Amino acid sequence: MHVDGLVTLPSAHSTKVTIDRLAAEIKAKGMSVFARVDHAAGAEEAGMALRPTELLIFGNARGGTPLMQAVQTIGIDLPLKALAWEDADGKVWLSYNELAWIVARHGASDLTAGAAGRLGTALAGLAKTAAGG
């Protein structure tokens, strides 16, 4: 599956454990977890079925504010989000929006290269650790 700006990694864990691990890594790095959404539980409450799918919303004002200072509309894509989901074959994946794509979407590449690069590298590392064995 290829979607512009979306990074998707295989996870060695269940959706719940993947999101648990990501949340722990985020907190360990001094970032905040703002919300956790269990889409499968929401579907069940509506009488519908959905494979395990959990969203984590997280961030840090020190990382996001410089991006919004450059181009305030980046705030629509912040805080950051990551989605752990199980495919039809039972394989779990972790997906997130690539920081370079977010910045380019708002025409801020030249203005935010340093901040976006640092934040993008940190996000990639968090996701890799959370999804890893």
N, C-alpha and C. Protein backbone atom coordinates (compact mmCIF):
# COMPACT_ATOMS: atom_id res chain seq x y z
N MET A 1 0.84 -1.18 0.00
CA MET A 1 0.00 0.00 0.00
C MET A 1 0.89 1.24 0.00
N HIS A 2 0.62 2.16 -0.92
CA HIS A 2 1.36 3.41 -0.94
C HIS A 2 0.37 4.57 -0.90
N VAL A 3 0.51 5.40 0.10
CA VAL A 3 -0.28 6.61 0.23
C VAL A 3 0.72 7.73 0.44
N ASP A 4 0.62 8.80 -0.36
CA ASP A 4 1.56 9.91 -0.24
C ASP A 4 1.64 10.43 1.19
N GLY A 5 2.86 10.53 1.69
CA GLY A 5 3.09 11.10 3.00
C GLY A 5 2.84 10.17 4.17
N LEU A 6 2.39 8.96 3.90
CA LEU A 6 2.09 8.02 4.98
C LEU A 6 3.20 6.99 5.09
N VAL A 7 3.76 6.86 6.28
CA VAL A 7 4.77 5.84 6.56
C VAL A 7 4.07 4.70 7.26
N THR A 8 4.27 3.48 6.78
CA THR A 8 3.65 2.31 7.40
C THR A 8 4.72 1.26 7.64
N LEU A 9 4.83 0.86 8.92
CA LEU A 9 5.82 -0.13 9.34
C LEU A 9 5.13 -1.38 9.84
N PRO A 10 5.69 -2.56 9.59
CA PRO A 10 5.13 -3.77 10.20
C PRO A 10 5.43 -3.76 11.70
N SER A 11 4.49 -4.25 12.48
CA SER A 11 4.71 -4.34 13.92
C SER A 11 4.82 -5.81 14.34
N ALA A 12 5.67 -6.06 15.30
CA ALA A 12 5.85 -7.40 15.85
C ALA A 12 4.87 -7.66 17.00
N HIS A 13 3.95 -6.72 17.22
CA HIS A 13 3.06 -6.78 18.38
C HIS A 13 1.60 -6.61 17.96
N SER A 14 0.70 -6.84 18.89
CA SER A 14 -0.72 -6.57 18.65
C SER A 14 -0.92 -5.06 18.53
N THR A 15 -2.09 -4.65 18.07
CA THR A 15 -2.35 -3.20 17.97
C THR A 15 -2.26 -2.55 19.34
N LYS A 16 -2.86 -3.18 20.35
CA LYS A 16 -2.84 -2.60 21.69
C LYS A 16 -1.42 -2.47 22.22
N VAL A 17 -0.64 -3.53 22.10
CA VAL A 17 0.74 -3.49 22.60
C VAL A 17 1.57 -2.49 21.80
N THR A 18 1.36 -2.40 20.51
CA THR A 18 2.09 -1.42 19.68
C THR A 18 1.81 -0.01 20.18
N ILE A 19 0.54 0.31 20.42
CA ILE A 19 0.19 1.65 20.91
C ILE A 19 0.68 1.85 22.34
N ASP A 20 0.61 0.82 23.17
CA ASP A 20 1.15 0.91 24.54
C ASP A 20 2.64 1.25 24.48
N ARG A 21 3.38 0.55 23.63
CA ARG A 21 4.82 0.77 23.50
C ARG A 21 5.12 2.18 22.97
N LEU A 22 4.33 2.61 21.99
CA LEU A 22 4.53 3.95 21.44
C LEU A 22 4.25 5.01 22.50
N ALA A 23 3.16 4.85 23.24
CA ALA A 23 2.83 5.81 24.29
C ALA A 23 3.94 5.88 25.35
N ALA A 24 4.48 4.73 25.72
CA ALA A 24 5.56 4.70 26.71
C ALA A 24 6.81 5.41 26.18
N GLU A 25 7.14 5.18 24.92
CA GLU A 25 8.31 5.84 24.32
C GLU A 25 8.10 7.36 24.25
N ILE A 26 6.91 7.77 23.88
CA ILE A 26 6.59 9.20 23.77
C ILE A 26 6.75 9.87 25.14
N LYS A 27 6.18 9.26 26.17
CA LYS A 27 6.28 9.82 27.52
C LYS A 27 7.73 9.83 28.00
N ALA A 28 8.49 8.79 27.68
CA ALA A 28 9.89 8.72 28.09
C ALA A 28 10.72 9.84 27.45
N LYS A 29 10.28 10.31 26.28
CA LYS A 29 10.99 11.39 25.57
C LYS A 29 10.49 12.77 25.99
N GLY A 30 9.60 12.81 26.99
CA GLY A 30 9.11 14.09 27.50
C GLY A 30 7.98 14.70 26.68
N MET A 31 7.40 13.92 25.80
CA MET A 31 6.28 14.40 25.01
C MET A 31 4.98 14.04 25.73
N SER A 32 3.88 14.60 25.26
CA SER A 32 2.57 14.35 25.86
C SER A 32 1.71 13.46 24.98
N VAL A 33 0.98 12.56 25.61
CA VAL A 33 -0.06 11.79 24.93
C VAL A 33 -1.37 12.51 25.24
N PHE A 34 -2.04 12.98 24.19
CA PHE A 34 -3.27 13.75 24.38
C PHE A 34 -4.51 12.87 24.35
N ALA A 35 -4.49 11.84 23.54
CA ALA A 35 -5.67 10.97 23.44
C ALA A 35 -5.30 9.64 22.81
N ARG A 36 -6.13 8.67 23.13
CA ARG A 36 -6.02 7.34 22.53
C ARG A 36 -7.42 6.96 22.11
N VAL A 37 -7.57 6.60 20.85
CA VAL A 37 -8.88 6.29 20.30
C VAL A 37 -8.89 4.84 19.84
N ASP A 38 -9.79 4.05 20.39
CA ASP A 38 -9.96 2.66 19.98
C ASP A 38 -11.11 2.63 18.96
N HIS A 39 -10.75 2.69 17.68
CA HIS A 39 -11.77 2.72 16.64
C HIS A 39 -12.60 1.45 16.60
N ALA A 40 -12.00 0.29 16.90
CA ALA A 40 -12.73 -0.97 16.89
C ALA A 40 -13.80 -0.98 17.99
N ALA A 41 -13.47 -0.43 19.15
CA ALA A 41 -14.45 -0.35 20.23
C ALA A 41 -15.60 0.58 19.84
N GLY A 42 -15.28 1.67 19.17
CA GLY A 42 -16.32 2.58 18.70
C GLY A 42 -17.23 1.92 17.68
N ALA A 43 -16.63 1.14 16.79
CA ALA A 43 -17.42 0.42 15.80
C ALA A 43 -18.34 -0.58 16.48
N GLU A 44 -17.80 -1.27 17.48
CA GLU A 44 -18.60 -2.27 18.20
C GLU A 44 -19.80 -1.60 18.88
N GLU A 45 -19.58 -0.44 19.49
CA GLU A 45 -20.68 0.29 20.13
C GLU A 45 -21.75 0.68 19.12
N ALA A 46 -21.36 0.87 17.87
CA ALA A 46 -22.31 1.22 16.81
C ALA A 46 -22.90 -0.02 16.15
N GLY A 47 -22.56 -1.21 16.67
CA GLY A 47 -23.08 -2.45 16.12
C GLY A 47 -22.39 -2.87 14.84
N MET A 48 -21.16 -2.43 14.66
CA MET A 48 -20.41 -2.75 13.44
C MET A 48 -19.10 -3.43 13.82
N ALA A 49 -18.53 -4.14 12.87
CA ALA A 49 -17.26 -4.83 13.11
C ALA A 49 -16.12 -4.07 12.46
N LEU A 50 -15.00 -4.03 13.15
CA LEU A 50 -13.78 -3.44 12.62
C LEU A 50 -12.61 -4.17 13.26
N ARG A 51 -11.65 -4.57 12.44
CA ARG A 51 -10.46 -5.21 13.00
C ARG A 51 -9.79 -4.24 13.97
N PRO A 52 -8.95 -4.74 14.88
CA PRO A 52 -8.28 -3.87 15.85
C PRO A 52 -7.60 -2.67 15.16
N THR A 53 -7.96 -1.48 15.63
CA THR A 53 -7.46 -0.23 15.06
C THR A 53 -7.42 0.80 16.18
N GLU A 54 -6.22 1.26 16.52
CA GLU A 54 -6.09 2.26 17.60
C GLU A 54 -5.25 3.44 17.13
N LEU A 55 -5.70 4.62 17.50
CA LEU A 55 -5.04 5.87 17.14
C LEU A 55 -4.47 6.52 18.39
N LEU A 56 -3.25 7.01 18.30
CA LEU A 56 -2.63 7.75 19.40
C LEU A 56 -2.36 9.16 18.91
N ILE A 57 -2.77 10.15 19.72
CA ILE A 57 -2.57 11.56 19.40
C ILE A 57 -1.58 12.09 20.43
N PHE A 58 -0.49 12.68 19.95
CA PHE A 58 0.60 13.06 20.84
C PHE A 58 1.39 14.23 20.28
N GLY A 59 2.21 14.83 21.12
CA GLY A 59 3.06 15.92 20.64
C GLY A 59 3.80 16.61 21.76
N ASN A 60 4.39 17.73 21.37
CA ASN A 60 5.20 18.52 22.28
C ASN A 60 5.24 19.94 21.72
N ALA A 61 4.90 20.90 22.55
CA ALA A 61 4.86 22.30 22.09
C ALA A 61 6.23 22.78 21.59
N ARG A 62 7.32 22.26 22.18
CA ARG A 62 8.65 22.68 21.73
C ARG A 62 8.92 22.23 20.30
N GLY A 63 8.33 21.11 19.89
CA GLY A 63 8.52 20.62 18.54
C GLY A 63 7.53 21.21 17.55
N GLY A 64 6.28 21.34 17.96
CA GLY A 64 5.24 21.78 17.05
C GLY A 64 5.13 23.29 16.88
N THR A 65 5.39 24.04 17.94
CA THR A 65 5.21 25.48 17.87
C THR A 65 6.07 26.14 16.80
N PRO A 66 7.35 25.79 16.66
CA PRO A 66 8.14 26.43 15.59
C PRO A 66 7.54 26.19 14.19
N LEU A 67 6.94 25.03 14.00
CA LEU A 67 6.31 24.74 12.71
C LEU A 67 5.10 25.66 12.51
N MET A 68 4.29 25.81 13.55
CA MET A 68 3.11 26.67 13.45
C MET A 68 3.48 28.15 13.40
N GLN A 69 4.61 28.53 14.00
CA GLN A 69 5.06 29.91 13.89
C GLN A 69 5.41 30.24 12.45
N ALA A 70 5.94 29.26 11.73
CA ALA A 70 6.31 29.47 10.33
C ALA A 70 5.06 29.53 9.45
N VAL A 71 4.18 28.58 9.62
CA VAL A 71 2.93 28.52 8.85
C VAL A 71 1.86 27.97 9.78
N GLN A 72 0.98 28.83 10.22
CA GLN A 72 0.04 28.47 11.27
C GLN A 72 -0.92 27.35 10.89
N THR A 73 -1.19 27.17 9.60
CA THR A 73 -2.11 26.12 9.20
C THR A 73 -1.59 24.72 9.47
N ILE A 74 -0.29 24.59 9.76
CA ILE A 74 0.26 23.27 10.12
C ILE A 74 -0.46 22.74 11.35
N GLY A 75 -1.05 23.63 12.14
CA GLY A 75 -1.80 23.22 13.32
C GLY A 75 -2.94 22.25 13.02
N ILE A 76 -3.42 22.20 11.79
CA ILE A 76 -4.47 21.24 11.44
C ILE A 76 -3.91 19.82 11.45
N ASP A 77 -2.61 19.67 11.25
CA ASP A 77 -1.97 18.36 11.23
C ASP A 77 -1.25 18.04 12.54
N LEU A 78 -1.33 18.94 13.49
CA LEU A 78 -0.73 18.72 14.81
C LEU A 78 -1.83 18.74 15.85
N PRO A 79 -1.72 18.03 16.94
CA PRO A 79 -0.62 17.18 17.29
C PRO A 79 -0.48 16.00 16.33
N LEU A 80 0.64 15.32 16.50
CA LEU A 80 0.94 14.17 15.65
C LEU A 80 0.01 13.01 15.98
N LYS A 81 -0.11 12.10 15.01
CA LYS A 81 -0.97 10.94 15.19
C LYS A 81 -0.27 9.70 14.66
N ALA A 82 -0.55 8.57 15.28
CA ALA A 82 -0.06 7.28 14.79
C ALA A 82 -1.21 6.29 14.93
N LEU A 83 -1.31 5.41 13.94
CA LEU A 83 -2.39 4.44 13.89
C LEU A 83 -1.83 3.03 13.84
N ALA A 84 -2.21 2.22 14.81
CA ALA A 84 -1.87 0.79 14.77
C ALA A 84 -3.13 0.08 14.29
N TRP A 85 -2.94 -0.82 13.32
CA TRP A 85 -4.10 -1.48 12.73
C TRP A 85 -3.74 -2.89 12.27
N GLU A 86 -4.76 -3.73 12.26
CA GLU A 86 -4.58 -5.12 11.86
C GLU A 86 -5.23 -5.33 10.50
N ASP A 87 -4.48 -5.91 9.56
CA ASP A 87 -5.04 -6.15 8.23
C ASP A 87 -5.85 -7.45 8.20
N ALA A 88 -6.41 -7.77 7.05
CA ALA A 88 -7.27 -8.94 6.89
C ALA A 88 -6.54 -10.26 7.15
N ASP A 89 -5.21 -10.24 7.03
CA ASP A 89 -4.41 -11.44 7.28
C ASP A 89 -3.95 -11.55 8.73
N GLY A 90 -4.35 -10.60 9.57
CA GLY A 90 -3.95 -10.62 10.98
C GLY A 90 -2.62 -9.95 11.26
N LYS A 91 -2.00 -9.35 10.25
CA LYS A 91 -0.72 -8.65 10.42
C LYS A 91 -0.99 -7.25 10.97
N VAL A 92 -0.16 -6.81 11.91
CA VAL A 92 -0.33 -5.50 12.52
C VAL A 92 0.66 -4.52 11.91
N TRP A 93 0.19 -3.31 11.69
CA TRP A 93 0.98 -2.24 11.07
C TRP A 93 0.89 -0.99 11.92
N LEU A 94 1.90 -0.13 11.82
CA LEU A 94 1.91 1.17 12.49
C LEU A 94 2.11 2.23 11.42
N SER A 95 1.17 3.15 11.31
CA SER A 95 1.23 4.19 10.28
C SER A 95 1.24 5.57 10.92
N TYR A 96 1.95 6.50 10.26
CA TYR A 96 1.96 7.89 10.71
C TYR A 96 2.26 8.79 9.52
N ASN A 97 1.88 10.05 9.64
CA ASN A 97 2.17 11.03 8.59
C ASN A 97 3.63 11.47 8.69
N GLU A 98 4.31 11.42 7.57
CA GLU A 98 5.71 11.83 7.50
C GLU A 98 5.78 13.36 7.69
N LEU A 99 6.70 13.80 8.55
CA LEU A 99 6.82 15.23 8.84
C LEU A 99 7.14 16.05 7.59
N ALA A 100 8.00 15.53 6.74
CA ALA A 100 8.35 16.27 5.51
C ALA A 100 7.11 16.48 4.65
N TRP A 101 6.22 15.51 4.62
CA TRP A 101 4.98 15.63 3.84
C TRP A 101 4.08 16.70 4.46
N ILE A 102 3.96 16.70 5.80
CA ILE A 102 3.13 17.70 6.47
C ILE A 102 3.63 19.10 6.15
N VAL A 103 4.94 19.30 6.25
CA VAL A 103 5.51 20.63 6.00
C VAL A 103 5.32 21.03 4.54
N ALA A 104 5.55 20.11 3.64
CA ALA A 104 5.37 20.41 2.22
C ALA A 104 3.91 20.72 1.92
N ARG A 105 3.01 20.02 2.55
CA ARG A 105 1.57 20.25 2.35
C ARG A 105 1.20 21.70 2.62
N HIS A 106 1.89 22.30 3.59
CA HIS A 106 1.58 23.68 3.98
C HIS A 106 2.55 24.69 3.35
N GLY A 107 3.40 24.22 2.45
CA GLY A 107 4.33 25.13 1.77
C GLY A 107 5.37 25.71 2.69
N ALA A 108 5.76 24.95 3.71
CA ALA A 108 6.67 25.48 4.72
C ALA A 108 8.04 24.83 4.69
N SER A 109 8.35 24.08 3.66
CA SER A 109 9.61 23.33 3.62
C SER A 109 10.84 24.20 3.85
N ASP A 110 10.91 25.35 3.20
CA ASP A 110 12.07 26.23 3.35
C ASP A 110 12.12 26.89 4.73
N LEU A 111 10.95 27.10 5.32
CA LEU A 111 10.88 27.81 6.59
C LEU A 111 11.14 26.93 7.80
N THR A 112 10.90 25.62 7.65
CA THR A 112 10.91 24.76 8.83
C THR A 112 11.85 23.56 8.69
N ALA A 113 12.76 23.61 7.78
CA ALA A 113 13.61 22.44 7.49
C ALA A 113 14.27 21.86 8.74
N GLY A 114 14.87 22.68 9.56
CA GLY A 114 15.57 22.18 10.75
C GLY A 114 14.63 21.56 11.76
N ALA A 115 13.58 22.28 12.12
CA ALA A 115 12.63 21.77 13.12
C ALA A 115 11.92 20.52 12.61
N ALA A 116 11.49 20.53 11.36
CA ALA A 116 10.79 19.37 10.80
C ALA A 116 11.72 18.17 10.69
N GLY A 117 12.96 18.41 10.34
CA GLY A 117 13.93 17.32 10.23
C GLY A 117 14.17 16.65 11.57
N ARG A 118 14.36 17.45 12.61
CA ARG A 118 14.57 16.89 13.95
C ARG A 118 13.34 16.13 14.44
N LEU A 119 12.18 16.73 14.25
CA LEU A 119 10.95 16.10 14.69
C LEU A 119 10.65 14.84 13.87
N GLY A 120 10.91 14.89 12.58
CA GLY A 120 10.71 13.73 11.72
C GLY A 120 11.60 12.57 12.10
N THR A 121 12.85 12.86 12.41
CA THR A 121 13.79 11.82 12.83
C THR A 121 13.34 11.21 14.15
N ALA A 122 12.90 12.05 15.08
CA ALA A 122 12.43 11.56 16.37
C ALA A 122 11.19 10.67 16.19
N LEU A 123 10.26 11.11 15.36
CA LEU A 123 9.05 10.34 15.11
C LEU A 123 9.36 8.98 14.50
N ALA A 124 10.24 8.95 13.53
CA ALA A 124 10.64 7.69 12.90
C ALA A 124 11.25 6.74 13.93
N GLY A 125 12.09 7.27 14.80
CA GLY A 125 12.71 6.45 15.84
C GLY A 125 11.69 5.90 16.83
N LEU A 126 10.73 6.73 17.23
CA LEU A 126 9.69 6.28 18.16
C LEU A 126 8.87 5.15 17.53
N ALA A 127 8.50 5.35 16.27
CA ALA A 127 7.68 4.33 15.59
C ALA A 127 8.44 3.02 15.42
N LYS A 128 9.69 3.12 15.05
CA LYS A 128 10.51 1.91 14.85
C LYS A 128 10.65 1.14 16.16
N THR A 129 10.88 1.84 17.26
CA THR A 129 11.01 1.19 18.55
C THR A 129 9.69 0.54 18.97
N ALA A 130 8.58 1.27 18.79
CA ALA A 130 7.28 0.75 19.19
C ALA A 130 6.89 -0.49 18.40
N ALA A 131 7.21 -0.52 17.13
CA ALA A 131 6.81 -1.63 16.27
C ALA A 131 7.80 -2.80 16.32
N GLY A 132 9.00 -2.54 16.79
CA GLY A 132 10.05 -3.55 16.77
C GLY A 132 9.86 -4.69 17.76
N GLY A 133 10.73 -5.69 17.59
CA GLY A 133 10.65 -6.90 18.43
C GLY A 133 11.31 -6.81 19.73
